[in-house]
């Protein structure tokens, strides 16, 4: 029996920890990259599974592109959309306050 390596899970957890630490320390670019690359794929998967269950279709539904038939290109574009969305939200949330030096 082959034991699966937790490399993807470890990568996601590492990105989330780095992003959280960077946000706490005020390193905006690193926080944005770490959190977007960690949360974006997770959010894509969770939304895809929940959307498929709501519609009563299969196990996964690629949102916003692809639907039930997911190809590599559609998967990559959809994943990049979710990473970009999370990056935009993190960038906006970590912006300096007005009047702060």
PDB file of N, CA and C in Angstrom:
ATOM      1  N   UNK A   1       0.838  -1.178   0.000  1.00  0.00           N
ATOM      2  CA  UNK A   1       0.000   0.000   0.000  1.00  0.00           C
ATOM      3  C   UNK A   1       0.887   1.246   0.000  1.00  0.00           C
ATOM      4  N   UNK A   2       0.559   2.149  -0.886  1.00  0.00           N
ATOM      5  CA  UNK A   2       1.343   3.375  -0.997  1.00  0.00           C
ATOM      6  C   UNK A   2       0.736   4.454  -0.104  1.00  0.00           C
ATOM      7  N   UNK A   3       1.580   5.110   0.642  1.00  0.00           N
ATOM      8  CA  UNK A   3       1.133   6.184   1.525  1.00  0.00           C
ATOM      9  C   UNK A   3       1.229   7.498   0.759  1.00  0.00           C
ATOM     10  N   UNK A   4       0.099   8.221   0.608  1.00  0.00           N
ATOM     11  CA  UNK A   4       0.148   9.479  -0.138  1.00  0.00           C
ATOM     12  C   UNK A   4       0.952  10.540   0.613  1.00  0.00           C
ATOM     13  N   UNK A   5       1.660  11.331  -0.127  1.00  0.00           N
ATOM     14  CA  UNK A   5       2.418  12.411   0.501  1.00  0.00           C
ATOM     15  C   UNK A   5       1.514  13.624   0.654  1.00  0.00           C
ATOM     16  N   UNK A   6       1.600  14.304   1.747  1.00  0.00           N
ATOM     17  CA  UNK A   6       0.731  15.458   1.985  1.00  0.00           C
ATOM     18  C   UNK A   6       1.301  16.745   1.384  1.00  0.00           C
ATOM     19  N   UNK A   7       1.946  16.655   0.239  1.00  0.00           N
ATOM     20  CA  UNK A   7       2.650  17.811  -0.304  1.00  0.00           C
ATOM     21  C   UNK A   7       1.719  18.965  -0.644  1.00  0.00           C
ATOM     22  N   UNK A   8       0.569  18.699  -1.261  1.00  0.00           N
ATOM     23  CA  UNK A   8      -0.347  19.777  -1.617  1.00  0.00           C
ATOM     24  C   UNK A   8      -0.945  20.414  -0.368  1.00  0.00           C
ATOM     25  N   UNK A   9      -1.351  19.594   0.581  1.00  0.00           N
ATOM     26  CA  UNK A   9      -1.899  20.122   1.832  1.00  0.00           C
ATOM     27  C   UNK A   9      -0.845  20.935   2.581  1.00  0.00           C
ATOM     28  N   UNK A  10       0.357  20.435   2.611  1.00  0.00           N
ATOM     29  CA  UNK A  10       1.442  21.147   3.275  1.00  0.00           C
ATOM     30  C   UNK A  10       1.726  22.481   2.592  1.00  0.00           C
ATOM     31  N   UNK A  11       1.681  22.492   1.265  1.00  0.00           N
ATOM     32  CA  UNK A  11       1.891  23.729   0.518  1.00  0.00           C
ATOM     33  C   UNK A  11       0.809  24.755   0.844  1.00  0.00           C
ATOM     34  N   UNK A  12      -0.446  24.331   0.848  1.00  0.00           N
ATOM     35  CA  UNK A  12      -1.550  25.247   1.130  1.00  0.00           C
ATOM     36  C   UNK A  12      -1.448  25.787   2.550  1.00  0.00           C
ATOM     37  N   UNK A  13      -1.186  24.936   3.509  1.00  0.00           N
ATOM     38  CA  UNK A  13      -1.053  25.377   4.899  1.00  0.00           C
ATOM     39  C   UNK A  13       0.121  26.346   5.040  1.00  0.00           C
ATOM     40  N   UNK A  14       1.228  26.042   4.381  1.00  0.00           N
ATOM     41  CA  UNK A  14       2.395  26.933   4.424  1.00  0.00           C
ATOM     42  C   UNK A  14       2.055  28.294   3.840  1.00  0.00           C
ATOM     43  N   UNK A  15       1.366  28.314   2.694  1.00  0.00           N
ATOM     44  CA  UNK A  15       0.985  29.590   2.083  1.00  0.00           C
ATOM     45  C   UNK A  15       0.053  30.380   2.994  1.00  0.00           C
ATOM     46  N   UNK A  16      -0.879  29.700   3.640  1.00  0.00           N
ATOM     47  CA  UNK A  16      -1.783  30.395   4.548  1.00  0.00           C
ATOM     48  C   UNK A  16      -1.040  30.964   5.753  1.00  0.00           C
ATOM     49  N   UNK A  17      -0.108  30.200   6.303  1.00  0.00           N
ATOM     50  CA  UNK A  17       0.671  30.685   7.442  1.00  0.00           C
ATOM     51  C   UNK A  17       1.560  31.863   7.051  1.00  0.00           C
ATOM     52  N   UNK A  18       2.219  31.756   5.902  1.00  0.00           N
ATOM     53  CA  UNK A  18       3.074  32.852   5.431  1.00  0.00           C
ATOM     54  C   UNK A  18       2.232  34.097   5.168  1.00  0.00           C
ATOM     55  N   UNK A  19       1.078  33.902   4.524  1.00  0.00           N
ATOM     56  CA  UNK A  19       0.204  35.037   4.241  1.00  0.00           C
ATOM     57  C   UNK A  19      -0.329  35.686   5.502  1.00  0.00           C
ATOM     58  N   UNK A  20      -0.729  34.884   6.467  1.00  0.00           N
ATOM     59  CA  UNK A  20      -1.220  35.435   7.729  1.00  0.00           C
ATOM     60  C   UNK A  20      -0.130  36.166   8.495  1.00  0.00           C
ATOM     61  N   UNK A  21       1.064  35.587   8.529  1.00  0.00           N
ATOM     62  CA  UNK A  21       2.185  36.233   9.208  1.00  0.00           C
ATOM     63  C   UNK A  21       2.538  37.549   8.520  1.00  0.00           C
ATOM     64  N   UNK A  22       2.565  37.538   7.192  1.00  0.00           N
ATOM     65  CA  UNK A  22       2.919  38.746   6.442  1.00  0.00           C
ATOM     66  C   UNK A  22       1.882  39.847   6.639  1.00  0.00           C
ATOM     67  N   UNK A  23       0.604  39.463   6.680  1.00  0.00           N
ATOM     68  CA  UNK A  23      -0.443  40.461   6.911  1.00  0.00           C
ATOM     69  C   UNK A  23      -0.294  41.069   8.302  1.00  0.00           C
ATOM     70  N   UNK A  24       0.029  40.221   9.279  1.00  0.00           N
ATOM     71  CA  UNK A  24       0.196  40.701  10.641  1.00  0.00           C
ATOM     72  C   UNK A  24       1.403  41.638  10.743  1.00  0.00           C
ATOM     73  N   UNK A  25       2.464  41.340   9.997  1.00  0.00           N
ATOM     74  CA  UNK A  25       3.677  42.156  10.032  1.00  0.00           C
ATOM     75  C   UNK A  25       3.597  43.360   9.099  1.00  0.00           C
ATOM     76  N   UNK A  26       2.541  43.468   8.304  1.00  0.00           N
ATOM     77  CA  UNK A  26       2.386  44.616   7.418  1.00  0.00           C
ATOM     78  C   UNK A  26       3.101  44.468   6.087  1.00  0.00           C
ATOM     79  N   UNK A  27       3.444  43.266   5.703  1.00  0.00           N
ATOM     80  CA  UNK A  27       4.081  43.036   4.402  1.00  0.00           C
ATOM     81  C   UNK A  27       2.981  42.708   3.398  1.00  0.00           C
ATOM     82  N   UNK A  28       2.484  43.731   2.754  1.00  0.00           N
ATOM     83  CA  UNK A  28       1.270  43.650   1.947  1.00  0.00           C
ATOM     84  C   UNK A  28       1.397  42.728   0.737  1.00  0.00           C
ATOM     85  N   UNK A  29       2.469  42.847  -0.012  1.00  0.00           N
ATOM     86  CA  UNK A  29       2.621  42.019  -1.222  1.00  0.00           C
ATOM     87  C   UNK A  29       2.747  40.542  -0.888  1.00  0.00           C
ATOM     88  N   UNK A  30       3.542  40.221   0.122  1.00  0.00           N
ATOM     89  CA  UNK A  30       3.716  38.831   0.525  1.00  0.00           C
ATOM     90  C   UNK A  30       2.417  38.265   1.090  1.00  0.00           C
ATOM     91  N   UNK A  31       1.701  39.058   1.864  1.00  0.00           N
ATOM     92  CA  UNK A  31       0.418  38.615   2.409  1.00  0.00           C
ATOM     93  C   UNK A  31      -0.574  38.337   1.291  1.00  0.00           C
ATOM     94  N   UNK A  32      -0.618  39.215   0.313  1.00  0.00           N
ATOM     95  CA  UNK A  32      -1.539  39.033  -0.807  1.00  0.00           C
ATOM     96  C   UNK A  32      -1.214  37.754  -1.570  1.00  0.00           C
ATOM     97  N   UNK A  33       0.049  37.547  -1.886  1.00  0.00           N
ATOM     98  CA  UNK A  33       0.446  36.353  -2.641  1.00  0.00           C
ATOM     99  C   UNK A  33       0.200  35.078  -1.839  1.00  0.00           C
ATOM    100  N   UNK A  34       0.615  35.064  -0.593  1.00  0.00           N
ATOM    101  CA  UNK A  34       0.463  33.863   0.232  1.00  0.00           C
ATOM    102  C   UNK A  34      -0.986  33.487   0.455  1.00  0.00           C
ATOM    103  N   UNK A  35      -1.798  34.459   0.821  1.00  0.00           N
ATOM    104  CA  UNK A  35      -3.203  34.158   1.084  1.00  0.00           C
ATOM    105  C   UNK A  35      -3.968  33.846  -0.195  1.00  0.00           C
ATOM    106  N   UNK A  36      -3.673  34.550  -1.280  1.00  0.00           N
ATOM    107  CA  UNK A  36      -4.380  34.285  -2.543  1.00  0.00           C
ATOM    108  C   UNK A  36      -4.050  32.897  -3.081  1.00  0.00           C
ATOM    109  N   UNK A  37      -2.785  32.514  -3.015  1.00  0.00           N
ATOM    110  CA  UNK A  37      -2.396  31.193  -3.516  1.00  0.00           C
ATOM    111  C   UNK A  37      -2.845  30.068  -2.591  1.00  0.00           C
ATOM    112  N   UNK A  38      -3.095  30.373  -1.329  1.00  0.00           N
ATOM    113  CA  UNK A  38      -3.588  29.364  -0.400  1.00  0.00           C
ATOM    114  C   UNK A  38      -5.105  29.270  -0.369  1.00  0.00           C
ATOM    115  N   UNK A  39      -5.775  30.408  -0.322  1.00  0.00           N
ATOM    116  CA  UNK A  39      -7.231  30.437  -0.188  1.00  0.00           C
ATOM    117  C   UNK A  39      -7.933  30.282  -1.537  1.00  0.00           C
ATOM    118  N   UNK A  40      -7.370  30.837  -2.597  1.00  0.00           N
ATOM    119  CA  UNK A  40      -8.007  30.792  -3.914  1.00  0.00           C
ATOM    120  C   UNK A  40      -8.386  29.387  -4.369  1.00  0.00           C
ATOM    121  N   UNK A  41      -7.432  28.437  -4.404  1.00  0.00           N
ATOM    122  CA  UNK A  41      -7.783  27.069  -4.805  1.00  0.00           C
ATOM    123  C   UNK A  41      -8.774  26.389  -3.852  1.00  0.00           C
ATOM    124  N   UNK A  42      -8.648  26.650  -2.557  1.00  0.00           N
ATOM    125  CA  UNK A  42      -9.602  26.076  -1.606  1.00  0.00           C
ATOM    126  C   UNK A  42     -11.010  26.609  -1.860  1.00  0.00           C
ATOM    127  N   UNK A  43     -11.112  27.892  -2.085  1.00  0.00           N
ATOM    128  CA  UNK A  43     -12.401  28.507  -2.343  1.00  0.00           C
ATOM    129  C   UNK A  43     -12.998  27.988  -3.646  1.00  0.00           C
ATOM    130  N   UNK A  44     -12.176  27.824  -4.672  1.00  0.00           N
ATOM    131  CA  UNK A  44     -12.622  27.278  -5.957  1.00  0.00           C
ATOM    132  C   UNK A  44     -13.210  25.880  -5.764  1.00  0.00           C
ATOM    133  N   UNK A  45     -12.539  25.049  -5.012  1.00  0.00           N
ATOM    134  CA  UNK A  45     -13.023  23.697  -4.769  1.00  0.00           C
ATOM    135  C   UNK A  45     -14.299  23.661  -3.959  1.00  0.00           C
ATOM    136  N   UNK A  46     -14.349  24.432  -2.890  1.00  0.00           N
ATOM    137  CA  UNK A  46     -15.528  24.442  -2.021  1.00  0.00           C
ATOM    138  C   UNK A  46     -16.743  24.984  -2.765  1.00  0.00           C
ATOM    139  N   UNK A  47     -16.576  26.089  -3.473  1.00  0.00           N
ATOM    140  CA  UNK A  47     -17.695  26.664  -4.223  1.00  0.00           C
ATOM    141  C   UNK A  47     -18.159  25.701  -5.312  1.00  0.00           C
ATOM    142  N   UNK A  48     -17.210  25.043  -5.998  1.00  0.00           N
ATOM    143  CA  UNK A  48     -17.571  24.090  -7.044  1.00  0.00           C
ATOM    144  C   UNK A  48     -18.365  22.906  -6.519  1.00  0.00           C
ATOM    145  N   UNK A  49     -17.966  22.384  -5.382  1.00  0.00           N
ATOM    146  CA  UNK A  49     -18.678  21.254  -4.788  1.00  0.00           C
ATOM    147  C   UNK A  49     -20.057  21.689  -4.283  1.00  0.00           C
ATOM    148  N   UNK A  50     -20.119  22.824  -3.594  1.00  0.00           N
ATOM    149  CA  UNK A  50     -21.403  23.298  -3.081  1.00  0.00           C
ATOM    150  C   UNK A  50     -22.370  23.639  -4.212  1.00  0.00           C
ATOM    151  N   UNK A  51     -21.866  24.266  -5.264  1.00  0.00           N
ATOM    152  CA  UNK A  51     -22.723  24.627  -6.391  1.00  0.00           C
ATOM    153  C   UNK A  51     -23.272  23.381  -7.091  1.00  0.00           C
ATOM    154  N   UNK A  52     -22.454  22.351  -7.213  1.00  0.00           N
ATOM    155  CA  UNK A  52     -22.919  21.097  -7.815  1.00  0.00           C
ATOM    156  C   UNK A  52     -24.002  20.450  -6.952  1.00  0.00           C
ATOM    157  N   UNK A  53     -23.846  20.498  -5.662  1.00  0.00           N
ATOM    158  CA  UNK A  53     -24.852  19.908  -4.769  1.00  0.00           C
ATOM    159  C   UNK A  53     -26.152  20.695  -4.787  1.00  0.00           C
ATOM    160  N   UNK A  54     -26.049  22.022  -4.848  1.00  0.00           N
ATOM    161  CA  UNK A  54     -27.252  22.855  -4.904  1.00  0.00           C
ATOM    162  C   UNK A  54     -28.040  22.545  -6.180  1.00  0.00           C
ATOM    163  N   UNK A  55     -27.331  22.361  -7.280  1.00  0.00           N
ATOM    164  CA  UNK A  55     -27.992  22.081  -8.553  1.00  0.00           C
ATOM    165  C   UNK A  55     -28.328  20.608  -8.740  1.00  0.00           C
ATOM    166  N   UNK A  56     -27.848  19.746  -7.870  1.00  0.00           N
ATOM    167  CA  UNK A  56     -28.114  18.324  -7.972  1.00  0.00           C
ATOM    168  C   UNK A  56     -27.364  17.661  -9.121  1.00  0.00           C
ATOM    169  N   UNK A  57     -26.200  18.172  -9.471  1.00  0.00           N
ATOM    170  CA  UNK A  57     -25.398  17.647 -10.573  1.00  0.00           C
ATOM    171  C   UNK A  57     -24.076  17.105 -10.058  1.00  0.00           C
ATOM    172  N   UNK A  58     -23.786  15.902 -10.323  1.00  0.00           N
ATOM    173  CA  UNK A  58     -22.467  15.335 -10.083  1.00  0.00           C
ATOM    174  C   UNK A  58     -21.825  15.709  -8.771  1.00  0.00           C
ATOM    175  N   UNK A  59     -20.497  15.730  -8.798  1.00  0.00           N
ATOM    176  CA  UNK A  59     -19.727  16.008  -7.583  1.00  0.00           C
ATOM    177  C   UNK A  59     -19.026  17.359  -7.600  1.00  0.00           C
ATOM    178  N   UNK A  60     -18.822  17.904  -8.802  1.00  0.00           N
ATOM    179  CA  UNK A  60     -18.087  19.162  -8.908  1.00  0.00           C
ATOM    180  C   UNK A  60     -18.612  19.948 -10.090  1.00  0.00           C
ATOM    181  N   UNK A  61     -18.685  21.251  -9.940  1.00  0.00           N
ATOM    182  CA  UNK A  61     -19.141  22.143 -10.996  1.00  0.00           C
ATOM    183  C   UNK A  61     -18.146  23.292 -11.050  1.00  0.00           C
ATOM    184  N   UNK A  62     -17.456  23.423 -12.165  1.00  0.00           N
ATOM    185  CA  UNK A  62     -16.421  24.449 -12.281  1.00  0.00           C
ATOM    186  C   UNK A  62     -17.062  25.826 -12.401  1.00  0.00           C
ATOM    187  N   UNK A  63     -16.781  26.682 -11.426  1.00  0.00           N
ATOM    188  CA  UNK A  63     -17.325  28.027 -11.393  1.00  0.00           C
ATOM    189  C   UNK A  63     -16.171  29.003 -11.540  1.00  0.00           C
ATOM    190  N   UNK A  64     -16.169  29.976 -12.389  1.00  0.00           N
ATOM    191  CA  UNK A  64     -17.234  30.468 -13.248  1.00  0.00           C
ATOM    192  C   UNK A  64     -17.242  29.845 -14.647  1.00  0.00           C
ATOM    193  N   UNK A  65     -16.212  29.099 -15.033  1.00  0.00           N
ATOM    194  CA  UNK A  65     -16.150  28.550 -16.390  1.00  0.00           C
ATOM    195  C   UNK A  65     -16.121  27.031 -16.348  1.00  0.00           C
ATOM    196  N   UNK A  66     -16.687  26.395 -17.357  1.00  0.00           N
ATOM    197  CA  UNK A  66     -16.546  24.961 -17.508  1.00  0.00           C
ATOM    198  C   UNK A  66     -17.759  24.141 -17.181  1.00  0.00           C
ATOM    199  N   UNK A  67     -18.434  24.460 -16.104  1.00  0.00           N
ATOM    200  CA  UNK A  67     -19.595  23.674 -15.723  1.00  0.00           C
ATOM    201  C   UNK A  67     -19.214  22.265 -15.315  1.00  0.00           C
ATOM    202  N   UNK A  68     -19.967  21.295 -15.805  1.00  0.00           N
ATOM    203  CA  UNK A  68     -19.724  19.897 -15.442  1.00  0.00           C
ATOM    204  C   UNK A  68     -18.522  19.311 -16.166  1.00  0.00           C
ATOM    205  N   UNK A  69     -18.260  19.786 -17.365  1.00  0.00           N
ATOM    206  CA  UNK A  69     -17.150  19.254 -18.157  1.00  0.00           C
ATOM    207  C   UNK A  69     -15.920  20.137 -17.953  1.00  0.00           C
ATOM    208  N   UNK A  70     -15.022  19.676 -17.138  1.00  0.00           N
ATOM    209  CA  UNK A  70     -13.844  20.470 -16.796  1.00  0.00           C
ATOM    210  C   UNK A  70     -12.641  19.947 -17.587  1.00  0.00           C
ATOM    211  N   UNK A  71     -12.081  20.815 -18.416  1.00  0.00           N
ATOM    212  CA  UNK A  71     -10.839  20.490 -19.115  1.00  0.00           C
ATOM    213  C   UNK A  71      -9.699  21.205 -18.408  1.00  0.00           C
ATOM    214  N   UNK A  72      -8.485  20.889 -18.804  1.00  0.00           N
ATOM    215  CA  UNK A  72      -7.333  21.517 -18.154  1.00  0.00           C
ATOM    216  C   UNK A  72      -7.335  23.030 -18.318  1.00  0.00           C
ATOM    217  N   UNK A  73      -7.635  23.508 -19.522  1.00  0.00           N
ATOM    218  CA  UNK A  73      -7.636  24.948 -19.779  1.00  0.00           C
ATOM    219  C   UNK A  73      -8.698  25.672 -18.972  1.00  0.00           C
ATOM    220  N   UNK A  74      -9.891  25.108 -18.947  1.00  0.00           N
ATOM    221  CA  UNK A  74     -10.994  25.707 -18.189  1.00  0.00           C
ATOM    222  C   UNK A  74     -10.677  25.691 -16.701  1.00  0.00           C
ATOM    223  N   UNK A  75     -10.119  24.602 -16.233  1.00  0.00           N
ATOM    224  CA  UNK A  75      -9.734  24.501 -14.828  1.00  0.00           C
ATOM    225  C   UNK A  75      -8.734  25.594 -14.467  1.00  0.00           C
ATOM    226  N   UNK A  76      -7.707  25.762 -15.305  1.00  0.00           N
ATOM    227  CA  UNK A  76      -6.673  26.755 -15.025  1.00  0.00           C
ATOM    228  C   UNK A  76      -7.237  28.172 -15.021  1.00  0.00           C
ATOM    229  N   UNK A  77      -8.083  28.490 -16.003  1.00  0.00           N
ATOM    230  CA  UNK A  77      -8.649  29.838 -16.067  1.00  0.00           C
ATOM    231  C   UNK A  77      -9.552  30.099 -14.858  1.00  0.00           C
ATOM    232  N   UNK A  78     -10.393  29.123 -14.511  1.00  0.00           N
ATOM    233  CA  UNK A  78     -11.272  29.289 -13.353  1.00  0.00           C
ATOM    234  C   UNK A  78     -10.460  29.446 -12.069  1.00  0.00           C
ATOM    235  N   UNK A  79      -9.414  28.648 -11.937  1.00  0.00           N
ATOM    236  CA  UNK A  79      -8.553  28.735 -10.762  1.00  0.00           C
ATOM    237  C   UNK A  79      -7.892  30.105 -10.673  1.00  0.00           C
ATOM    238  N   UNK A  80      -7.414  30.609 -11.795  1.00  0.00           N
ATOM    239  CA  UNK A  80      -6.791  31.934 -11.804  1.00  0.00           C
ATOM    240  C   UNK A  80      -7.784  33.036 -11.462  1.00  0.00           C
ATOM    241  N   UNK A  81      -9.038  32.868 -11.884  1.00  0.00           N
ATOM    242  CA  UNK A  81     -10.070  33.849 -11.524  1.00  0.00           C
ATOM    243  C   UNK A  81     -10.257  33.883 -10.004  1.00  0.00           C
ATOM    244  N   UNK A  82     -10.325  32.718  -9.366  1.00  0.00           N
ATOM    245  CA  UNK A  82     -10.508  32.675  -7.918  1.00  0.00           C
ATOM    246  C   UNK A  82      -9.288  33.210  -7.179  1.00  0.00           C
ATOM    247  N   UNK A  83      -8.089  32.886  -7.655  1.00  0.00           N
ATOM    248  CA  UNK A  83      -6.875  33.425  -7.034  1.00  0.00           C
ATOM    249  C   UNK A  83      -6.848  34.940  -7.172  1.00  0.00           C
ATOM    250  N   UNK A  84      -7.212  35.435  -8.350  1.00  0.00           N
ATOM    251  CA  UNK A  84      -7.266  36.887  -8.566  1.00  0.00           C
ATOM    252  C   UNK A  84      -8.295  37.571  -7.687  1.00  0.00           C
ATOM    253  N   UNK A  85      -9.447  36.933  -7.512  1.00  0.00           N
ATOM    254  CA  UNK A  85     -10.489  37.487  -6.654  1.00  0.00           C
ATOM    255  C   UNK A  85     -10.004  37.590  -5.209  1.00  0.00           C
ATOM    256  N   UNK A  86      -9.395  36.532  -4.715  1.00  0.00           N
ATOM    257  CA  UNK A  86      -8.881  36.546  -3.339  1.00  0.00           C
ATOM    258  C   UNK A  86      -7.746  37.567  -3.212  1.00  0.00           C
ATOM    259  N   UNK A  87      -6.873  37.641  -4.209  1.00  0.00           N
ATOM    260  CA  UNK A  87      -5.775  38.613  -4.169  1.00  0.00           C
ATOM    261  C   UNK A  87      -6.319  40.034  -4.099  1.00  0.00           C
ATOM    262  N   UNK A  88      -7.345  40.319  -4.884  1.00  0.00           N
ATOM    263  CA  UNK A  88      -7.950  41.655  -4.852  1.00  0.00           C
ATOM    264  C   UNK A  88      -8.562  41.974  -3.497  1.00  0.00           C
ATOM    265  N   UNK A  89      -9.228  40.994  -2.907  1.00  0.00           N
ATOM    266  CA  UNK A  89      -9.831  41.211  -1.583  1.00  0.00           C
ATOM    267  C   UNK A  89      -8.768  41.405  -0.503  1.00  0.00           C
ATOM    268  N   UNK A  90      -7.707  40.602  -0.549  1.00  0.00           N
ATOM    269  CA  UNK A  90      -6.633  40.745   0.442  1.00  0.00           C
ATOM    270  C   UNK A  90      -5.918  42.081   0.250  1.00  0.00           C
ATOM    271  N   UNK A  91      -5.663  42.446  -0.995  1.00  0.00           N
ATOM    272  CA  UNK A  91      -4.981  43.713  -1.281  1.00  0.00           C
ATOM    273  C   UNK A  91      -5.806  44.876  -0.743  1.00  0.00           C
ATOM    274  N   UNK A  92      -7.114  44.802  -0.954  1.00  0.00           N
ATOM    275  CA  UNK A  92      -8.009  45.866  -0.478  1.00  0.00           C
ATOM    276  C   UNK A  92      -8.065  45.886   1.051  1.00  0.00           C
ATOM    277  N   UNK A  93      -8.109  44.715   1.664  1.00  0.00           N
ATOM    278  CA  UNK A  93      -8.218  44.633   3.127  1.00  0.00           C
ATOM    279  C   UNK A  93      -6.943  45.065   3.832  1.00  0.00           C
ATOM    280  N   UNK A  94      -5.789  44.941   3.175  1.00  0.00           N
ATOM    281  CA  UNK A  94      -4.530  45.288   3.828  1.00  0.00           C
ATOM    282  C   UNK A  94      -4.009  46.668   3.439  1.00  0.00           C
ATOM    283  N   UNK A  95      -4.810  47.438   2.756  1.00  0.00           N
ATOM    284  CA  UNK A  95      -4.348  48.773   2.341  1.00  0.00           C
ATOM    285  C   UNK A  95      -4.173  49.662   3.567  1.00  0.00           C
ATOM    286  N   UNK A  96      -3.227  50.571   3.480  1.00  0.00           N
ATOM    287  CA  UNK A  96      -3.004  51.485   4.601  1.00  0.00           C
ATOM    288  C   UNK A  96      -4.234  52.387   4.815  1.00  0.00           C
ATOM    289  N   UNK A  97      -4.484  52.715   6.055  1.00  0.00           N
ATOM    290  CA  UNK A  97      -5.592  53.601   6.388  1.00  0.00           C
ATOM    291  C   UNK A  97      -5.292  55.013   5.885  1.00  0.00           C
ATOM    292  N   UNK A  98      -6.337  55.757   5.580  1.00  0.00           N
ATOM    293  CA  UNK A  98      -6.163  57.135   5.126  1.00  0.00           C
ATOM    294  C   UNK A  98      -5.516  57.960   6.240  1.00  0.00           C
ATOM    295  N   UNK A  99      -4.492  58.681   5.875  1.00  0.00           N
ATOM    296  CA  UNK A  99      -3.802  59.524   6.841  1.00  0.00           C
ATOM    297  C   UNK A  99      -2.689  58.822   7.587  1.00  0.00           C
ATOM    298  N   UNK A 100      -2.546  57.495   7.408  1.00  0.00           N
ATOM    299  CA  UNK A 100      -1.470  56.763   8.082  1.00  0.00           C
ATOM    300  C   UNK A 100      -0.180  56.932   7.297  1.00  0.00           C
ATOM    301  N   UNK A 101       0.920  56.997   7.989  1.00  0.00           N
ATOM    302  CA  UNK A 101       2.199  57.221   7.324  1.00  0.00           C
ATOM    303  C   UNK A 101       2.763  55.937   6.778  1.00  0.00           C
TER     304      UNK A 101
END
